[in-house]
Protein backbone atom coordinates (compact mmCIF):
# COMPACT_ATOMS: atom_id res chain seq x y z
CA MET A 1 77.47 14.18 -12.13
CA ALA A 2 75.34 13.48 -9.10
CA THR A 3 77.06 13.17 -5.76
CA THR A 4 75.89 10.97 -2.94
CA VAL A 5 75.64 12.59 0.48
CA ALA A 6 75.73 10.30 3.47
CA ALA A 7 72.60 10.52 5.55
CA PRO A 8 73.13 11.98 9.01
CA PRO A 9 72.70 9.59 11.91
CA SER A 10 69.15 9.28 13.08
CA ARG A 11 68.04 11.17 16.15
CA ALA A 12 67.32 7.88 17.92
CA ALA A 13 70.86 6.59 17.24
CA THR A 14 72.37 9.87 18.46
CA HIS A 15 70.19 9.77 21.56
CA ARG A 16 71.25 6.20 22.34
CA TYR A 17 74.93 7.13 21.95
CA GLU A 18 74.63 10.21 24.16
CA LYS A 19 72.59 8.30 26.69
CA GLY A 20 75.20 5.53 26.82
CA ILE A 21 78.18 7.84 27.31
CA TRP A 22 76.33 10.21 29.60
CA SER A 23 75.05 7.37 31.76
CA TRP A 24 78.63 6.33 32.53
CA LEU A 25 79.76 9.90 33.24
CA THR A 26 76.89 10.65 35.61
CA THR A 27 76.16 7.23 37.08
CA THR A 28 75.71 6.65 40.80
CA ASP A 29 75.01 2.93 40.38
CA HIS A 30 77.41 0.90 42.48
CA LYS A 31 77.86 -1.74 39.76
CA LYS A 32 78.87 0.78 37.10
CA ILE A 33 81.17 2.62 39.49
CA GLY A 34 82.73 -0.72 40.38
CA GLN A 35 83.35 -1.35 36.70
CA LEU A 36 84.85 2.12 36.28
CA TYR A 37 87.22 1.42 39.16
CA LEU A 38 88.09 -1.95 37.61
CA TYR A 39 88.84 -0.64 34.12
CA THR A 40 90.81 2.35 35.43
CA SER A 41 92.87 0.37 37.92
CA LEU A 42 93.73 -2.26 35.29
CA THR A 43 94.84 0.53 32.95
CA TRP A 44 97.17 1.94 35.59
CA PHE A 45 98.33 -1.61 36.36
CA LEU A 46 99.42 -1.85 32.72
CA VAL A 47 101.17 1.53 32.96
CA GLY A 48 102.97 0.44 36.13
CA GLY A 49 103.97 -2.79 34.41
CA ILE A 50 105.50 -0.87 31.51
CA GLU A 51 107.44 1.26 33.99
CA ALA A 52 108.68 -1.92 35.70
CA LEU A 53 109.71 -3.39 32.34
CA ILE A 54 111.81 -0.31 31.57
CA ILE A 55 113.40 -0.49 35.02
CA ARG A 56 114.27 -4.17 34.61
CA THR A 57 115.64 -3.56 31.12
CA GLN A 58 117.85 -0.79 32.49
CA LEU A 59 119.18 -3.19 35.16
CA TYR A 60 119.66 -6.10 32.76
CA GLY A 61 123.37 -5.42 32.49
CA PRO A 62 125.95 -3.09 34.04
CA ASN A 63 126.08 0.55 33.00
CA GLY A 64 122.61 0.51 31.42
CA ARG A 65 121.96 3.30 28.94
CA LEU A 66 118.27 2.79 28.17
CA VAL A 67 117.24 5.80 30.28
CA SER A 68 119.11 8.53 32.13
CA ALA A 69 119.66 8.48 35.88
CA ASP A 70 116.98 11.16 36.40
CA THR A 71 114.46 9.24 34.31
CA TYR A 72 115.28 6.05 36.20
CA ASN A 73 114.54 7.77 39.52
CA GLN A 74 111.25 8.99 38.09
CA LEU A 75 110.35 5.53 36.82
CA PHE A 76 111.22 3.94 40.17
CA THR A 77 109.07 6.45 42.06
CA MET A 78 106.13 6.38 39.67
CA HIS A 79 106.11 2.58 39.45
CA GLY A 80 105.63 2.23 43.21
CA THR A 81 103.13 5.09 43.40
CA THR A 82 101.13 3.75 40.47
CA MET A 83 100.98 0.17 41.70
CA ILE A 84 99.98 1.06 45.27
CA PHE A 85 97.75 4.12 44.94
CA MET A 86 96.38 3.74 41.40
CA ALA A 87 96.19 -0.02 40.81
CA ILE A 88 95.99 -2.21 43.92
CA MET A 89 93.88 0.03 46.16
CA PRO A 90 91.37 1.05 43.45
CA LEU A 91 91.14 -2.59 42.35
CA SER A 92 89.94 -3.53 45.82
CA ALA A 93 87.46 -0.63 45.66
CA ALA A 94 86.13 -2.10 42.41
CA PHE A 95 85.23 -5.38 44.10
CA PHE A 96 83.93 -3.63 47.21
CA ASN A 97 81.63 -1.45 45.11
CA PHE A 98 80.28 -4.28 43.03
CA LEU A 99 79.87 -6.99 45.67
CA ILE A 100 79.14 -5.43 49.06
CA PRO A 101 75.60 -4.15 48.30
CA LEU A 102 74.74 -7.46 46.60
CA GLN A 103 76.02 -9.54 49.50
CA ILE A 104 74.19 -7.59 52.22
CA GLY A 105 70.96 -7.15 50.26
CA ALA A 106 71.23 -3.37 49.77
CA ARG A 107 69.99 -1.56 46.69
CA ASP A 108 73.12 0.60 46.57
CA VAL A 109 75.78 2.04 48.85
CA ALA A 110 74.72 4.45 51.57
CA PHE A 111 75.88 7.57 49.70
CA PRO A 112 75.73 6.95 45.93
CA ARG A 113 76.82 10.47 44.95
CA LEU A 114 79.75 10.35 47.35
CA ASN A 115 80.63 7.02 45.75
CA ALA A 116 80.73 8.62 42.30
CA PHE A 117 82.67 11.56 43.74
CA SER A 118 85.32 9.22 45.16
CA TYR A 119 85.87 7.60 41.76
CA TRP A 120 86.18 10.83 39.80
CA ILE A 121 88.50 12.31 42.43
CA PHE A 122 90.64 9.18 42.17
CA LEU A 123 90.77 9.55 38.38
CA CYS A 124 91.68 13.25 38.62
CA GLY A 125 94.42 12.59 41.18
CA SER A 126 95.98 9.78 39.16
CA LEU A 127 95.88 11.82 35.94
CA PHE A 128 97.39 14.80 37.76
CA ILE A 129 100.39 12.82 39.00
CA ASN A 130 100.99 11.18 35.63
CA ALA A 131 100.67 14.53 33.83
CA SER A 132 104.13 15.25 35.25
CA TRP A 133 105.55 12.93 32.57
CA LEU A 134 104.49 15.45 29.92
CA ILE A 135 107.05 17.97 31.17
CA HIS A 136 109.61 15.36 32.30
CA LYS A 137 109.03 16.33 35.93
CA ALA A 138 107.68 13.08 37.35
CA PRO A 139 108.23 12.47 41.10
CA ASP A 140 111.74 11.16 41.72
CA ALA A 141 112.35 10.76 45.47
CA GLY A 142 110.99 7.22 45.80
CA TRP A 143 107.33 6.30 46.14
CA PHE A 144 107.70 6.50 49.94
CA SER A 145 109.06 10.08 49.54
CA TYR A 146 110.91 10.20 52.82
CA ALA A 147 112.24 13.55 54.03
CA PRO A 148 114.77 15.05 53.58
CA LEU A 149 115.07 13.58 50.06
CA SER A 150 111.63 14.94 49.21
CA THR A 151 112.10 18.41 50.72
CA ARG A 152 112.76 21.54 48.71
CA THR A 153 116.42 21.60 49.82
CA PHE A 154 117.29 18.31 48.11
CA ASN A 155 114.52 18.23 45.50
CA PRO A 156 113.87 21.82 44.38
CA GLY A 157 111.99 21.12 41.14
CA LEU A 158 108.33 20.48 40.41
CA ASN A 159 108.77 16.72 40.62
CA MET A 160 107.71 16.20 44.22
CA ASP A 161 105.09 18.97 44.02
CA PHE A 162 103.12 16.72 41.67
CA TRP A 163 103.46 13.83 44.12
CA VAL A 164 102.46 15.82 47.20
CA ILE A 165 99.33 17.32 45.65
CA GLY A 166 98.36 14.14 43.80
CA ILE A 167 98.60 11.94 46.90
CA GLN A 168 96.40 14.40 48.78
CA ILE A 169 93.75 14.12 46.07
CA LEU A 170 93.96 10.33 46.07
CA GLY A 171 93.69 10.32 49.86
CA VAL A 172 90.42 12.26 49.73
CA SER A 173 89.05 9.64 47.34
CA THR A 174 90.12 6.73 49.54
CA LEU A 175 88.71 8.23 52.75
CA ALA A 176 85.39 9.07 51.07
CA ALA A 177 85.05 5.49 49.86
CA GLY A 178 86.05 4.09 53.26
CA PHE A 179 83.40 6.02 55.20
CA ASN A 180 80.83 5.15 52.54
CA PHE A 181 81.46 1.40 52.78
CA ILE A 182 81.43 1.41 56.58
CA THR A 183 78.11 3.26 56.65
CA THR A 184 76.70 0.91 54.01
CA ILE A 185 77.63 -2.24 55.91
CA ILE A 186 76.36 -0.94 59.24
CA ASN A 187 73.08 0.63 58.10
CA MET A 188 72.08 -0.96 54.79
CA ARG A 189 71.97 -4.66 55.61
CA ALA A 190 68.77 -6.48 54.65
CA PRO A 191 66.40 -7.60 57.43
CA GLY A 192 67.84 -10.67 59.10
CA MET A 193 71.37 -9.99 57.80
CA HIS A 194 73.09 -9.84 61.17
CA PHE A 195 76.82 -9.25 61.42
CA MET A 196 77.45 -12.93 62.09
CA ARG A 197 75.55 -13.80 58.91
CA MET A 198 77.55 -11.53 56.63
CA PRO A 199 79.77 -13.23 54.03
CA VAL A 200 83.47 -13.42 54.79
CA PHE A 201 84.25 -11.06 51.89
CA THR A 202 82.04 -8.35 53.39
CA TRP A 203 83.68 -8.86 56.77
CA ALA A 204 87.10 -8.51 55.15
CA ALA A 205 85.99 -5.32 53.41
CA PHE A 206 84.52 -4.00 56.67
CA VAL A 207 87.77 -4.49 58.57
CA THR A 208 89.80 -3.07 55.69
CA GLN A 209 87.82 0.18 55.71
CA PHE A 210 88.60 0.76 59.38
CA GLN A 211 92.28 0.20 58.63
CA ILE A 212 92.03 2.74 55.83
CA ILE A 213 90.32 5.47 57.84
CA LEU A 214 92.80 4.98 60.68
CA ALA A 215 95.92 4.92 58.50
CA PHE A 216 95.20 7.50 55.81
CA PRO A 217 94.73 10.53 58.08
CA ILE A 218 98.27 9.91 59.36
CA LEU A 219 99.58 9.80 55.80
CA THR A 220 97.52 12.89 54.97
CA VAL A 221 98.99 14.89 57.86
CA ALA A 222 102.52 13.79 56.95
CA VAL A 223 102.01 14.87 53.34
CA VAL A 224 100.47 18.18 54.46
CA PHE A 225 103.60 18.82 56.53
CA LEU A 226 105.74 18.08 53.48
CA LEU A 227 103.55 20.36 51.37
CA PHE A 228 103.96 23.22 53.85
CA ASP A 229 107.71 22.69 53.98
CA ARG A 230 107.95 22.82 50.20
CA PHE A 231 105.51 25.66 49.50
CA PHE A 232 105.59 27.89 52.57
CA GLY A 233 109.04 27.43 54.07
CA THR A 234 107.98 25.69 57.29
CA GLN A 235 110.40 23.29 58.99
CA PHE A 236 108.37 20.24 59.98
CA TYR A 237 111.10 17.95 58.59
CA GLU A 238 114.17 20.08 59.35
CA PRO A 239 116.32 18.50 62.14
CA ALA A 240 118.21 21.77 62.67
CA ALA A 241 114.92 23.34 63.71
CA GLY A 242 114.19 20.57 66.21
CA ALA A 243 112.10 18.45 63.85
CA ASP A 244 112.34 14.67 63.45
CA PRO A 245 111.95 13.35 59.87
């Protein structure tokens, strides 16, 4: 009895598939990177929404038993972290990437490869933090992670280690994007596109980037101090050693 063997996909079809996937993985086009930011941030927005739904369900009545106290602390911390660092901020980067070059008449951002780097670093950082769920060691000291609650003394597990390292990775991504957008707006405007002729959206993005590059180094230093306290026994947040949390 003759058997029918399915014909392998044509070389042209395989090439088109590989080209399509590969083009997204290696792209430096500001429009595609903007779309990547958009899809990723909306995904994390959905994840954060699910975390909020579980929190609200736990609080629906007294003595909720949906999740344990430890899991609730993890959900509370990860919801805030996800919404701020993985949803809202990347969502703004999506619009900045897509619209700024179009509005100022530039072919792309000033540093296209740095732009791609900032997205993939953001994705790695967000995946790293959320990987803590796999071992039930998600951050649990609040998304603000104030010391001393986040120090090794009061939080000795791996939970806050994920948060400290992940926020550092996300901070690198945000700063890289901020410097890129500032350079783009200053140096890549089309002839005749003076500052006073820029659209209001580009002006808003321009001001926002300065706020980012002024604020994030402070956060970065604070998190580095926390990292050193947790990993190397320093006392940057220990009042007994003269520190001020």
